[in-house]
């Protein structure tokens, strides 16, 4: 089951045990964490402030991913979890167009009976 998950993470710089992290380091760290979760195929940043992570994959454990982001980066909220739907292209059955052929009118002049075929008249 392919799914798309959008998680909002606080990407502003914050102090941690290892020192102060700026926004770019937080973004790269969050992306590394998201890629490390099993089942993840693609990760991208979304939003006006690039504070949302869009994760695409197969069988992603969203709760586990959110907990890891909260533990390593900071505050994280699940925004959406959606199942990717395949766009089924409906094949339009083209019914064969029926074309009626009209044969041209062929005028053949009517001939009279041949002389030898006229009844009652004998030619010897």
PDB file of N, CA and C in Angstrom:
ATOM      1  N   UNK A   1       0.848  -1.170   0.000  1.00  0.00           N
ATOM      2  CA  UNK A   1       0.000   0.000   0.000  1.00  0.00           C
ATOM      3  C   UNK A   1       0.895   1.235   0.000  1.00  0.00           C
ATOM      4  N   UNK A   2       0.953   1.921  -1.121  1.00  0.00           N
ATOM      5  CA  UNK A   2       1.757   3.131  -1.215  1.00  0.00           C
ATOM      6  C   UNK A   2       1.007   4.270  -0.550  1.00  0.00           C
ATOM      7  N   UNK A   3       1.751   5.069   0.181  1.00  0.00           N
ATOM      8  CA  UNK A   3       1.116   6.168   0.883  1.00  0.00           C
ATOM      9  C   UNK A   3       2.007   7.396   0.879  1.00  0.00           C
ATOM     10  N   UNK A   4       1.367   8.530   1.098  1.00  0.00           N
ATOM     11  CA  UNK A   4       2.059   9.804   1.196  1.00  0.00           C
ATOM     12  C   UNK A   4       1.750  10.396   2.561  1.00  0.00           C
ATOM     13  N   UNK A   5       2.797  10.774   3.283  1.00  0.00           N
ATOM     14  CA  UNK A   5       2.657  11.315   4.631  1.00  0.00           C
ATOM     15  C   UNK A   5       3.278  12.706   4.647  1.00  0.00           C
ATOM     16  N   UNK A   6       2.558  13.670   5.217  1.00  0.00           N
ATOM     17  CA  UNK A   6       3.094  15.019   5.383  1.00  0.00           C
ATOM     18  C   UNK A   6       3.187  15.291   6.876  1.00  0.00           C
ATOM     19  N   UNK A   7       4.403  15.630   7.320  1.00  0.00           N
ATOM     20  CA  UNK A   7       4.669  15.889   8.741  1.00  0.00           C
ATOM     21  C   UNK A   7       5.247  17.294   8.865  1.00  0.00           C
ATOM     22  N   UNK A   8       4.672  18.077   9.765  1.00  0.00           N
ATOM     23  CA  UNK A   8       5.185  19.420  10.014  1.00  0.00           C
ATOM     24  C   UNK A   8       6.187  19.345  11.159  1.00  0.00           C
ATOM     25  N   UNK A   9       7.379  19.852  10.892  1.00  0.00           N
ATOM     26  CA  UNK A   9       8.465  19.808  11.878  1.00  0.00           C
ATOM     27  C   UNK A   9       8.930  21.235  12.123  1.00  0.00           C
ATOM     28  N   UNK A  10       9.210  21.562  13.388  1.00  0.00           N
ATOM     29  CA  UNK A  10       9.726  22.900  13.687  1.00  0.00           C
ATOM     30  C   UNK A  10      11.159  22.965  13.174  1.00  0.00           C
ATOM     31  N   UNK A  11      11.355  23.731  12.106  1.00  0.00           N
ATOM     32  CA  UNK A  11      12.652  23.775  11.437  1.00  0.00           C
ATOM     33  C   UNK A  11      13.499  24.967  11.857  1.00  0.00           C
ATOM     34  N   UNK A  12      12.983  25.812  12.750  1.00  0.00           N
ATOM     35  CA  UNK A  12      13.782  26.949  13.175  1.00  0.00           C
ATOM     36  C   UNK A  12      14.899  26.464  14.094  1.00  0.00           C
ATOM     37  N   UNK A  13      15.943  27.250  14.171  1.00  0.00           N
ATOM     38  CA  UNK A  13      17.069  26.861  15.003  1.00  0.00           C
ATOM     39  C   UNK A  13      16.675  26.747  16.464  1.00  0.00           C
ATOM     40  N   UNK A  14      17.188  25.744  17.127  1.00  0.00           N
ATOM     41  CA  UNK A  14      16.879  25.563  18.538  1.00  0.00           C
ATOM     42  C   UNK A  14      18.110  24.993  19.235  1.00  0.00           C
ATOM     43  N   UNK A  15      18.122  25.143  20.528  1.00  0.00           N
ATOM     44  CA  UNK A  15      19.248  24.632  21.300  1.00  0.00           C
ATOM     45  C   UNK A  15      19.012  23.170  21.624  1.00  0.00           C
ATOM     46  N   UNK A  16      20.051  22.419  21.519  1.00  0.00           N
ATOM     47  CA  UNK A  16      19.970  21.018  21.904  1.00  0.00           C
ATOM     48  C   UNK A  16      21.158  20.712  22.805  1.00  0.00           C
ATOM     49  N   UNK A  17      21.278  19.487  23.199  1.00  0.00           N
ATOM     50  CA  UNK A  17      22.365  19.056  24.065  1.00  0.00           C
ATOM     51  C   UNK A  17      23.718  19.279  23.383  1.00  0.00           C
ATOM     52  N   UNK A  18      23.723  19.165  22.036  1.00  0.00           N
ATOM     53  CA  UNK A  18      24.972  19.267  21.284  1.00  0.00           C
ATOM     54  C   UNK A  18      25.281  20.689  20.846  1.00  0.00           C
ATOM     55  N   UNK A  19      24.465  21.632  21.195  1.00  0.00           N
ATOM     56  CA  UNK A  19      24.678  23.019  20.808  1.00  0.00           C
ATOM     57  C   UNK A  19      23.485  23.538  20.029  1.00  0.00           C
ATOM     58  N   UNK A  20      23.644  24.741  19.502  1.00  0.00           N
ATOM     59  CA  UNK A  20      22.541  25.351  18.766  1.00  0.00           C
ATOM     60  C   UNK A  20      22.567  24.887  17.314  1.00  0.00           C
ATOM     61  N   UNK A  21      21.387  24.511  16.825  1.00  0.00           N
ATOM     62  CA  UNK A  21      21.262  24.070  15.437  1.00  0.00           C
ATOM     63  C   UNK A  21      20.565  25.156  14.637  1.00  0.00           C
ATOM     64  N   UNK A  22      21.109  25.477  13.464  1.00  0.00           N
ATOM     65  CA  UNK A  22      20.415  26.442  12.615  1.00  0.00           C
ATOM     66  C   UNK A  22      19.414  25.710  11.720  1.00  0.00           C
ATOM     67  N   UNK A  23      18.644  26.471  10.965  1.00  0.00           N
ATOM     68  CA  UNK A  23      17.553  25.907  10.173  1.00  0.00           C
ATOM     69  C   UNK A  23      18.001  24.882   9.148  1.00  0.00           C
ATOM     70  N   UNK A  24      19.124  25.149   8.453  1.00  0.00           N
ATOM     71  CA  UNK A  24      19.591  24.220   7.413  1.00  0.00           C
ATOM     72  C   UNK A  24      20.024  22.882   8.009  1.00  0.00           C
ATOM     73  N   UNK A  25      20.686  22.922   9.138  1.00  0.00           N
ATOM     74  CA  UNK A  25      21.112  21.668   9.771  1.00  0.00           C
ATOM     75  C   UNK A  25      19.912  20.863  10.246  1.00  0.00           C
ATOM     76  N   UNK A  26      18.903  21.565  10.751  1.00  0.00           N
ATOM     77  CA  UNK A  26      17.691  20.879  11.207  1.00  0.00           C
ATOM     78  C   UNK A  26      16.994  20.223  10.024  1.00  0.00           C
ATOM     79  N   UNK A  27      16.922  20.930   8.893  1.00  0.00           N
ATOM     80  CA  UNK A  27      16.281  20.364   7.694  1.00  0.00           C
ATOM     81  C   UNK A  27      17.012  19.116   7.218  1.00  0.00           C
ATOM     82  N   UNK A  28      18.327  19.220   7.114  1.00  0.00           N
ATOM     83  CA  UNK A  28      19.084  18.062   6.622  1.00  0.00           C
ATOM     84  C   UNK A  28      19.001  16.895   7.597  1.00  0.00           C
ATOM     85  N   UNK A  29      18.997  17.180   8.884  1.00  0.00           N
ATOM     86  CA  UNK A  29      18.885  16.115   9.882  1.00  0.00           C
ATOM     87  C   UNK A  29      17.516  15.447   9.802  1.00  0.00           C
ATOM     88  N   UNK A  30      16.463  16.249   9.631  1.00  0.00           N
ATOM     89  CA  UNK A  30      15.112  15.692   9.520  1.00  0.00           C
ATOM     90  C   UNK A  30      14.981  14.833   8.266  1.00  0.00           C
ATOM     91  N   UNK A  31      15.568  15.278   7.163  1.00  0.00           N
ATOM     92  CA  UNK A  31      15.514  14.489   5.931  1.00  0.00           C
ATOM     93  C   UNK A  31      16.272  13.173   6.081  1.00  0.00           C
ATOM     94  N   UNK A  32      17.421  13.213   6.748  1.00  0.00           N
ATOM     95  CA  UNK A  32      18.192  11.982   6.972  1.00  0.00           C
ATOM     96  C   UNK A  32      17.408  10.991   7.825  1.00  0.00           C
ATOM     97  N   UNK A  33      16.734  11.497   8.838  1.00  0.00           N
ATOM     98  CA  UNK A  33      15.933  10.621   9.703  1.00  0.00           C
ATOM     99  C   UNK A  33      14.787  10.006   8.909  1.00  0.00           C
ATOM    100  N   UNK A  34      14.127  10.821   8.087  1.00  0.00           N
ATOM    101  CA  UNK A  34      12.988  10.327   7.306  1.00  0.00           C
ATOM    102  C   UNK A  34      13.424   9.277   6.292  1.00  0.00           C
ATOM    103  N   UNK A  35      14.577   9.466   5.687  1.00  0.00           N
ATOM    104  CA  UNK A  35      15.064   8.497   4.704  1.00  0.00           C
ATOM    105  C   UNK A  35      15.454   7.188   5.383  1.00  0.00           C
ATOM    106  N   UNK A  36      15.868   7.252   6.631  1.00  0.00           N
ATOM    107  CA  UNK A  36      16.305   6.057   7.345  1.00  0.00           C
ATOM    108  C   UNK A  36      15.189   5.112   7.756  1.00  0.00           C
ATOM    109  N   UNK A  37      13.951   5.556   7.726  1.00  0.00           N
ATOM    110  CA  UNK A  37      12.821   4.707   8.123  1.00  0.00           C
ATOM    111  C   UNK A  37      12.530   3.712   7.006  1.00  0.00           C
ATOM    112  N   UNK A  38      12.203   2.482   7.381  1.00  0.00           N
ATOM    113  CA  UNK A  38      11.962   1.450   6.371  1.00  0.00           C
ATOM    114  C   UNK A  38      10.687   1.736   5.583  1.00  0.00           C
ATOM    115  N   UNK A  39      10.756   1.464   4.302  1.00  0.00           N
ATOM    116  CA  UNK A  39       9.608   1.646   3.421  1.00  0.00           C
ATOM    117  C   UNK A  39       9.563   2.989   2.725  1.00  0.00           C
ATOM    118  N   UNK A  40      10.461   3.893   3.066  1.00  0.00           N
ATOM    119  CA  UNK A  40      10.450   5.232   2.477  1.00  0.00           C
ATOM    120  C   UNK A  40      11.121   5.184   1.104  1.00  0.00           C
ATOM    121  N   UNK A  41      10.438   5.773   0.122  1.00  0.00           N
ATOM    122  CA  UNK A  41      10.965   5.806  -1.236  1.00  0.00           C
ATOM    123  C   UNK A  41      11.468   7.205  -1.591  1.00  0.00           C
ATOM    124  N   UNK A  42      10.702   8.242  -1.221  1.00  0.00           N
ATOM    125  CA  UNK A  42      11.074   9.615  -1.564  1.00  0.00           C
ATOM    126  C   UNK A  42      10.722  10.554  -0.420  1.00  0.00           C
ATOM    127  N   UNK A  43      11.572  11.570  -0.237  1.00  0.00           N
ATOM    128  CA  UNK A  43      11.357  12.574   0.806  1.00  0.00           C
ATOM    129  C   UNK A  43      11.573  13.943   0.175  1.00  0.00           C
ATOM    130  N   UNK A  44      10.689  14.890   0.494  1.00  0.00           N
ATOM    131  CA  UNK A  44      10.855  16.247  -0.019  1.00  0.00           C
ATOM    132  C   UNK A  44      10.322  17.246   1.004  1.00  0.00           C
ATOM    133  N   UNK A  45      10.779  18.489   0.884  1.00  0.00           N
ATOM    134  CA  UNK A  45      10.321  19.570   1.752  1.00  0.00           C
ATOM    135  C   UNK A  45       9.192  20.316   1.065  1.00  0.00           C
ATOM    136  N   UNK A  46       8.181  20.671   1.827  1.00  0.00           N
ATOM    137  CA  UNK A  46       7.023  21.391   1.293  1.00  0.00           C
ATOM    138  C   UNK A  46       6.719  22.576   2.183  1.00  0.00           C
ATOM    139  N   UNK A  47       5.758  23.366   1.752  1.00  0.00           N
ATOM    140  CA  UNK A  47       5.299  24.492   2.556  1.00  0.00           C
ATOM    141  C   UNK A  47       6.018  25.774   2.190  1.00  0.00           C
ATOM    142  N   UNK A  48       5.456  26.883   2.657  1.00  0.00           N
ATOM    143  CA  UNK A  48       6.052  28.186   2.369  1.00  0.00           C
ATOM    144  C   UNK A  48       7.400  28.345   3.059  1.00  0.00           C
ATOM    145  N   UNK A  49       7.493  27.865   4.264  1.00  0.00           N
ATOM    146  CA  UNK A  49       8.726  28.001   5.036  1.00  0.00           C
ATOM    147  C   UNK A  49       9.580  26.741   4.981  1.00  0.00           C
ATOM    148  N   UNK A  50       9.224  25.813   4.116  1.00  0.00           N
ATOM    149  CA  UNK A  50       9.918  24.518   4.000  1.00  0.00           C
ATOM    150  C   UNK A  50       9.965  23.811   5.353  1.00  0.00           C
ATOM    151  N   UNK A  51       8.837  23.867   6.065  1.00  0.00           N
ATOM    152  CA  UNK A  51       8.784  23.253   7.386  1.00  0.00           C
ATOM    153  C   UNK A  51       7.958  21.969   7.395  1.00  0.00           C
ATOM    154  N   UNK A  52       7.560  21.503   6.223  1.00  0.00           N
ATOM    155  CA  UNK A  52       6.799  20.259   6.127  1.00  0.00           C
ATOM    156  C   UNK A  52       7.603  19.245   5.320  1.00  0.00           C
ATOM    157  N   UNK A  53       7.609  18.028   5.811  1.00  0.00           N
ATOM    158  CA  UNK A  53       8.308  16.950   5.122  1.00  0.00           C
ATOM    159  C   UNK A  53       7.265  16.043   4.491  1.00  0.00           C
ATOM    160  N   UNK A  54       7.380  15.848   3.180  1.00  0.00           N
ATOM    161  CA  UNK A  54       6.489  14.927   2.473  1.00  0.00           C
ATOM    162  C   UNK A  54       7.258  13.633   2.235  1.00  0.00           C
ATOM    163  N   UNK A  55       6.729  12.551   2.772  1.00  0.00           N
ATOM    164  CA  UNK A  55       7.382  11.251   2.679  1.00  0.00           C
ATOM    165  C   UNK A  55       6.489  10.326   1.860  1.00  0.00           C
ATOM    166  N   UNK A  56       7.062   9.722   0.827  1.00  0.00           N
ATOM    167  CA  UNK A  56       6.321   8.769  -0.002  1.00  0.00           C
ATOM    168  C   UNK A  56       6.987   7.411   0.135  1.00  0.00           C
ATOM    169  N   UNK A  57       6.152   6.376   0.235  1.00  0.00           N
ATOM    170  CA  UNK A  57       6.714   5.045   0.356  1.00  0.00           C
ATOM    171  C   UNK A  57       5.661   3.985   0.472  1.00  0.00           C
ATOM    172  N   UNK A  58       6.126   2.795   0.779  1.00  0.00           N
ATOM    173  CA  UNK A  58       5.254   1.631   0.851  1.00  0.00           C
ATOM    174  C   UNK A  58       5.285   1.088   2.276  1.00  0.00           C
ATOM    175  N   UNK A  59       4.172   1.182   2.986  1.00  0.00           N
ATOM    176  CA  UNK A  59       4.069   0.658   4.345  1.00  0.00           C
ATOM    177  C   UNK A  59       4.886   1.438   5.358  1.00  0.00           C
ATOM    178  N   UNK A  60       4.801   2.747   5.321  1.00  0.00           N
ATOM    179  CA  UNK A  60       5.555   3.601   6.246  1.00  0.00           C
ATOM    180  C   UNK A  60       4.862   3.604   7.602  1.00  0.00           C
ATOM    181  N   UNK A  61       5.648   3.447   8.663  1.00  0.00           N
ATOM    182  CA  UNK A  61       5.114   3.553  10.022  1.00  0.00           C
ATOM    183  C   UNK A  61       5.184   5.029  10.416  1.00  0.00           C
ATOM    184  N   UNK A  62       4.070   5.730  10.279  1.00  0.00           N
ATOM    185  CA  UNK A  62       4.064   7.175  10.494  1.00  0.00           C
ATOM    186  C   UNK A  62       4.286   7.549  11.955  1.00  0.00           C
ATOM    187  N   UNK A  63       3.782   6.748  12.858  1.00  0.00           N
ATOM    188  CA  UNK A  63       3.958   7.046  14.286  1.00  0.00           C
ATOM    189  C   UNK A  63       5.431   6.919  14.662  1.00  0.00           C
ATOM    190  N   UNK A  64       6.081   5.884  14.162  1.00  0.00           N
ATOM    191  CA  UNK A  64       7.505   5.682  14.440  1.00  0.00           C
ATOM    192  C   UNK A  64       8.320   6.841  13.865  1.00  0.00           C
ATOM    193  N   UNK A  65       7.988   7.253  12.652  1.00  0.00           N
ATOM    194  CA  UNK A  65       8.693   8.363  12.014  1.00  0.00           C
ATOM    195  C   UNK A  65       8.506   9.654  12.804  1.00  0.00           C
ATOM    196  N   UNK A  66       7.296   9.914  13.245  1.00  0.00           N
ATOM    197  CA  UNK A  66       7.026  11.130  14.012  1.00  0.00           C
ATOM    198  C   UNK A  66       7.753  11.112  15.349  1.00  0.00           C
ATOM    199  N   UNK A  67       7.766   9.968  16.008  1.00  0.00           N
ATOM    200  CA  UNK A  67       8.486   9.866  17.288  1.00  0.00           C
ATOM    201  C   UNK A  67       9.976  10.111  17.099  1.00  0.00           C
ATOM    202  N   UNK A  68      10.552   9.544  16.034  1.00  0.00           N
ATOM    203  CA  UNK A  68      11.975   9.765  15.773  1.00  0.00           C
ATOM    204  C   UNK A  68      12.265  11.242  15.513  1.00  0.00           C
ATOM    205  N   UNK A  69      11.400  11.889  14.746  1.00  0.00           N
ATOM    206  CA  UNK A  69      11.606  13.310  14.471  1.00  0.00           C
ATOM    207  C   UNK A  69      11.474  14.145  15.737  1.00  0.00           C
ATOM    208  N   UNK A  70      10.524  13.804  16.594  1.00  0.00           N
ATOM    209  CA  UNK A  70      10.371  14.536  17.855  1.00  0.00           C
ATOM    210  C   UNK A  70      11.589  14.345  18.746  1.00  0.00           C
ATOM    211  N   UNK A  71      12.118  13.139  18.761  1.00  0.00           N
ATOM    212  CA  UNK A  71      13.247  12.833  19.633  1.00  0.00           C
ATOM    213  C   UNK A  71      14.528  13.513  19.150  1.00  0.00           C
ATOM    214  N   UNK A  72      14.766  13.508  17.834  1.00  0.00           N
ATOM    215  CA  UNK A  72      16.045  13.986  17.304  1.00  0.00           C
ATOM    216  C   UNK A  72      16.024  15.454  16.879  1.00  0.00           C
ATOM    217  N   UNK A  73      14.865  15.947  16.412  1.00  0.00           N
ATOM    218  CA  UNK A  73      14.828  17.287  15.830  1.00  0.00           C
ATOM    219  C   UNK A  73      14.057  18.265  16.694  1.00  0.00           C
ATOM    220  N   UNK A  74      12.859  17.896  17.092  1.00  0.00           N
ATOM    221  CA  UNK A  74      12.029  18.810  17.859  1.00  0.00           C
ATOM    222  C   UNK A  74      10.569  18.494  17.622  1.00  0.00           C
ATOM    223  N   UNK A  75       9.732  19.487  17.795  1.00  0.00           N
ATOM    224  CA  UNK A  75       8.293  19.297  17.687  1.00  0.00           C
ATOM    225  C   UNK A  75       7.905  18.860  16.271  1.00  0.00           C
ATOM    226  N   UNK A  76       7.063  17.813  16.186  1.00  0.00           N
ATOM    227  CA  UNK A  76       6.605  17.298  14.893  1.00  0.00           C
ATOM    228  C   UNK A  76       5.134  16.919  14.989  1.00  0.00           C
ATOM    229  N   UNK A  77       4.366  17.274  13.967  1.00  0.00           N
ATOM    230  CA  UNK A  77       2.938  16.958  13.894  1.00  0.00           C
ATOM    231  C   UNK A  77       2.645  16.260  12.573  1.00  0.00           C
ATOM    232  N   UNK A  78       1.782  15.256  12.644  1.00  0.00           N
ATOM    233  CA  UNK A  78       1.327  14.601  11.418  1.00  0.00           C
ATOM    234  C   UNK A  78       0.220  15.467  10.821  1.00  0.00           C
ATOM    235  N   UNK A  79       0.419  15.892   9.588  1.00  0.00           N
ATOM    236  CA  UNK A  79      -0.581  16.719   8.901  1.00  0.00           C
ATOM    237  C   UNK A  79      -1.554  15.830   8.126  1.00  0.00           C
ATOM    238  N   UNK A  80      -1.043  15.035   7.214  1.00  0.00           N
ATOM    239  CA  UNK A  80      -1.907  14.150   6.424  1.00  0.00           C
ATOM    240  C   UNK A  80      -1.239  12.801   6.201  1.00  0.00           C
ATOM    241  N   UNK A  81      -2.076  11.797   6.118  1.00  0.00           N
ATOM    242  CA  UNK A  81      -1.654  10.462   5.700  1.00  0.00           C
ATOM    243  C   UNK A  81      -2.639  10.054   4.612  1.00  0.00           C
ATOM    244  N   UNK A  82      -2.138   9.899   3.408  1.00  0.00           N
ATOM    245  CA  UNK A  82      -3.019   9.585   2.279  1.00  0.00           C
ATOM    246  C   UNK A  82      -2.470   8.400   1.507  1.00  0.00           C
ATOM    247  N   UNK A  83      -3.381   7.617   1.010  1.00  0.00           N
ATOM    248  CA  UNK A  83      -3.010   6.467   0.200  1.00  0.00           C
ATOM    249  C   UNK A  83      -2.923   6.920  -1.251  1.00  0.00           C
ATOM    250  N   UNK A  84      -1.835   6.554  -1.908  1.00  0.00           N
ATOM    251  CA  UNK A  84      -1.688   6.927  -3.312  1.00  0.00           C
ATOM    252  C   UNK A  84      -2.601   6.070  -4.152  1.00  0.00           C
ATOM    253  N   UNK A  85      -3.392   6.728  -4.950  1.00  0.00           N
ATOM    254  CA  UNK A  85      -4.313   6.004  -5.818  1.00  0.00           C
ATOM    255  C   UNK A  85      -3.778   6.045  -7.236  1.00  0.00           C
ATOM    256  N   UNK A  86      -3.831   4.912  -7.855  1.00  0.00           N
ATOM    257  CA  UNK A  86      -3.414   4.861  -9.243  1.00  0.00           C
ATOM    258  C   UNK A  86      -4.530   5.442 -10.093  1.00  0.00           C
ATOM    259  N   UNK A  87      -4.130   6.305 -10.949  1.00  0.00           N
ATOM    260  CA  UNK A  87      -5.117   6.890 -11.841  1.00  0.00           C
ATOM    261  C   UNK A  87      -5.403   5.881 -12.941  1.00  0.00           C
ATOM    262  N   UNK A  88      -6.587   5.348 -12.875  1.00  0.00           N
ATOM    263  CA  UNK A  88      -6.957   4.362 -13.873  1.00  0.00           C
ATOM    264  C   UNK A  88      -7.450   5.079 -15.117  1.00  0.00           C
ATOM    265  N   UNK A  89      -6.776   4.802 -16.166  1.00  0.00           N
ATOM    266  CA  UNK A  89      -7.193   5.393 -17.428  1.00  0.00           C
ATOM    267  C   UNK A  89      -8.247   4.492 -18.032  1.00  0.00           C
ATOM    268  N   UNK A  90      -9.413   5.026 -18.126  1.00  0.00           N
ATOM    269  CA  UNK A  90     -10.495   4.244 -18.701  1.00  0.00           C
ATOM    270  C   UNK A  90     -10.326   4.238 -20.213  1.00  0.00           C
ATOM    271  N   UNK A  91     -10.238   3.045 -20.708  1.00  0.00           N
ATOM    272  CA  UNK A  91     -10.102   2.922 -22.148  1.00  0.00           C
ATOM    273  C   UNK A  91     -11.468   3.135 -22.785  1.00  0.00           C
ATOM    274  N   UNK A  92     -11.524   4.135 -23.585  1.00  0.00           N
ATOM    275  CA  UNK A  92     -12.776   4.422 -24.253  1.00  0.00           C
ATOM    276  C   UNK A  92     -12.932   3.438 -25.401  1.00  0.00           C
ATOM    277  N   UNK A  93     -13.990   2.692 -25.323  1.00  0.00           N
ATOM    278  CA  UNK A  93     -14.236   1.733 -26.390  1.00  0.00           C
ATOM    279  C   UNK A  93     -14.789   2.495 -27.581  1.00  0.00           C
ATOM    280  N   UNK A  94     -14.027   2.467 -28.603  1.00  0.00           N
ATOM    281  CA  UNK A  94     -14.458   3.150 -29.807  1.00  0.00           C
ATOM    282  C   UNK A  94     -15.344   2.203 -30.598  1.00  0.00           C
ATOM    283  N   UNK A  95     -16.587   2.560 -30.653  1.00  0.00           N
ATOM    284  CA  UNK A  95     -17.507   1.749 -31.432  1.00  0.00           C
ATOM    285  C   UNK A  95     -17.236   2.029 -32.900  1.00  0.00           C
ATOM    286  N   UNK A  96     -17.205   0.984 -33.685  1.00  0.00           N
ATOM    287  CA  UNK A  96     -16.905   1.214 -35.100  1.00  0.00           C
ATOM    288  C   UNK A  96     -17.986   2.082 -35.739  1.00  0.00           C
ATOM    289  N   UNK A  97     -17.536   3.045 -36.438  1.00  0.00           N
ATOM    290  CA  UNK A  97     -18.461   3.959 -37.084  1.00  0.00           C
ATOM    291  C   UNK A  97     -19.076   3.248 -38.285  1.00  0.00           C
ATOM    292  N   UNK A  98     -20.370   3.230 -38.327  1.00  0.00           N
ATOM    293  CA  UNK A  98     -21.070   2.543 -39.406  1.00  0.00           C
ATOM    294  C   UNK A  98     -21.234   3.516 -40.564  1.00  0.00           C
ATOM    295  N   UNK A  99     -20.674   3.134 -41.670  1.00  0.00           N
ATOM    296  CA  UNK A  99     -20.806   3.953 -42.863  1.00  0.00           C
ATOM    297  C   UNK A  99     -21.659   3.189 -43.861  1.00  0.00           C
ATOM    298  N   UNK A 100     -22.694   3.818 -44.276  1.00  0.00           N
ATOM    299  CA  UNK A 100     -23.569   3.203 -45.264  1.00  0.00           C
ATOM    300  C   UNK A 100     -23.070   3.577 -46.653  1.00  0.00           C
ATOM    301  N   UNK A 101     -22.857   2.551 -47.434  1.00  0.00           N
ATOM    302  CA  UNK A 101     -22.412   2.786 -48.796  1.00  0.00           C
ATOM    303  C   UNK A 101     -23.626   2.798 -49.709  1.00  0.00           C
ATOM    304  N   UNK A 102     -23.766   3.846 -50.418  1.00  0.00           N
ATOM    305  CA  UNK A 102     -24.861   3.900 -51.386  1.00  0.00           C
ATOM    306  C   UNK A 102     -24.251   3.713 -52.768  1.00  0.00           C
ATOM    307  N   UNK A 103     -24.710   2.694 -53.428  1.00  0.00           N
ATOM    308  CA  UNK A 103     -24.197   2.425 -54.759  1.00  0.00           C
ATOM    309  C   UNK A 103     -24.765   3.457 -55.723  1.00  0.00           C
ATOM    310  N   UNK A 104     -23.953   3.882 -56.644  1.00  0.00           N
ATOM    311  CA  UNK A 104     -24.461   4.876 -57.589  1.00  0.00           C
ATOM    312  C   UNK A 104     -25.550   4.260 -58.468  1.00  0.00           C
ATOM    313  N   UNK A 105     -26.502   5.070 -58.812  1.00  0.00           N
ATOM    314  CA  UNK A 105     -27.594   4.590 -59.649  1.00  0.00           C
ATOM    315  C   UNK A 105     -27.050   4.342 -61.045  1.00  0.00           C
ATOM    316  N   UNK A 106     -27.195   3.125 -61.486  1.00  0.00           N
ATOM    317  CA  UNK A 106     -26.686   2.747 -62.793  1.00  0.00           C
ATOM    318  C   UNK A 106     -27.872   2.630 -63.746  1.00  0.00           C
ATOM    319  N   UNK A 107     -27.984   3.576 -64.622  1.00  0.00           N
ATOM    320  CA  UNK A 107     -29.107   3.562 -65.564  1.00  0.00           C
ATOM    321  C   UNK A 107     -28.734   2.718 -66.769  1.00  0.00           C
ATOM    322  N   UNK A 108     -29.485   1.673 -66.974  1.00  0.00           N
ATOM    323  CA  UNK A 108     -29.303   0.861 -68.179  1.00  0.00           C
ATOM    324  C   UNK A 108     -30.577   0.969 -68.992  1.00  0.00           C
ATOM    325  N   UNK A 109     -30.438   1.330 -70.207  1.00  0.00           N
ATOM    326  CA  UNK A 109     -31.653   1.461 -71.020  1.00  0.00           C
ATOM    327  C   UNK A 109     -32.309   0.096 -71.212  1.00  0.00           C
ATOM    328  N   UNK A 110     -33.597   0.108 -71.182  1.00  0.00           N
ATOM    329  CA  UNK A 110     -34.297  -1.161 -71.358  1.00  0.00           C
ATOM    330  C   UNK A 110     -34.425  -1.451 -72.851  1.00  0.00           C
ATOM    331  N   UNK A 111     -33.991  -2.616 -73.192  1.00  0.00           N
ATOM    332  CA  UNK A 111     -34.095  -3.037 -74.584  1.00  0.00           C
ATOM    333  C   UNK A 111     -35.382  -3.812 -74.757  1.00  0.00           C
ATOM    334  N   UNK A 112     -35.899  -3.774 -75.937  1.00  0.00           N
ATOM    335  CA  UNK A 112     -37.086  -4.573 -76.219  1.00  0.00           C
ATOM    336  C   UNK A 112     -36.662  -6.019 -76.453  1.00  0.00           C
ATOM    337  N   UNK A 113     -37.635  -6.893 -76.483  1.00  0.00           N
ATOM    338  CA  UNK A 113     -37.321  -8.297 -76.717  1.00  0.00           C
ATOM    339  C   UNK A 113     -36.621  -8.441 -78.070  1.00  0.00           C
ATOM    340  N   UNK A 114     -35.696  -9.344 -78.144  1.00  0.00           N
ATOM    341  CA  UNK A 114     -35.092  -9.597 -79.454  1.00  0.00           C
ATOM    342  C   UNK A 114     -36.146 -10.185 -80.401  1.00  0.00           C
ATOM    343  N   UNK A 115     -35.946  -9.994 -81.626  1.00  0.00           N
ATOM    344  CA  UNK A 115     -36.941 -10.400 -82.598  1.00  0.00           C
ATOM    345  C   UNK A 115     -37.193 -11.902 -82.583  1.00  0.00           C
ATOM    346  N   UNK A 116     -36.186 -12.683 -82.393  1.00  0.00           N
ATOM    347  CA  UNK A 116     -36.373 -14.130 -82.391  1.00  0.00           C
ATOM    348  C   UNK A 116     -37.078 -14.608 -81.139  1.00  0.00           C
ATOM    349  N   UNK A 117     -37.239 -13.794 -80.140  1.00  0.00           N
ATOM    350  CA  UNK A 117     -37.853 -14.239 -78.904  1.00  0.00           C
ATOM    351  C   UNK A 117     -39.284 -13.773 -78.765  1.00  0.00           C
ATOM    352  N   UNK A 118     -39.791 -13.052 -79.715  1.00  0.00           N
ATOM    353  CA  UNK A 118     -41.165 -12.586 -79.609  1.00  0.00           C
ATOM    354  C   UNK A 118     -42.123 -13.759 -79.773  1.00  0.00           C
ATOM    355  N   UNK A 119     -43.089 -13.868 -78.921  1.00  0.00           N
ATOM    356  CA  UNK A 119     -44.013 -14.987 -79.028  1.00  0.00           C
ATOM    357  C   UNK A 119     -44.991 -14.786 -80.212  1.00  0.00           C
ATOM    358  N   UNK A 120     -45.252 -15.831 -80.860  1.00  0.00           N
ATOM    359  CA  UNK A 120     -46.220 -15.814 -81.947  1.00  0.00           C
ATOM    360  C   UNK A 120     -45.638 -15.490 -83.301  1.00  0.00           C
ATOM    361  N   UNK A 121     -44.454 -15.003 -83.380  1.00  0.00           N
ATOM    362  CA  UNK A 121     -43.849 -14.679 -84.670  1.00  0.00           C
ATOM    363  C   UNK A 121     -42.744 -15.700 -84.923  1.00  0.00           C
ATOM    364  N   UNK A 122     -42.774 -16.283 -86.044  1.00  0.00           N
ATOM    365  CA  UNK A 122     -41.749 -17.264 -86.394  1.00  0.00           C
ATOM    366  C   UNK A 122     -40.967 -16.755 -87.594  1.00  0.00           C
ATOM    367  N   UNK A 123     -39.713 -16.870 -87.534  1.00  0.00           N
ATOM    368  CA  UNK A 123     -38.816 -16.464 -88.618  1.00  0.00           C
ATOM    369  C   UNK A 123     -38.059 -17.690 -89.079  1.00  0.00           C
ATOM    370  N   UNK A 124     -38.393 -18.243 -90.245  1.00  0.00           N
ATOM    371  CA  UNK A 124     -37.669 -19.392 -90.792  1.00  0.00           C
ATOM    372  C   UNK A 124     -37.128 -19.050 -92.097  1.00  0.00           C
TER     373      UNK A 124
END
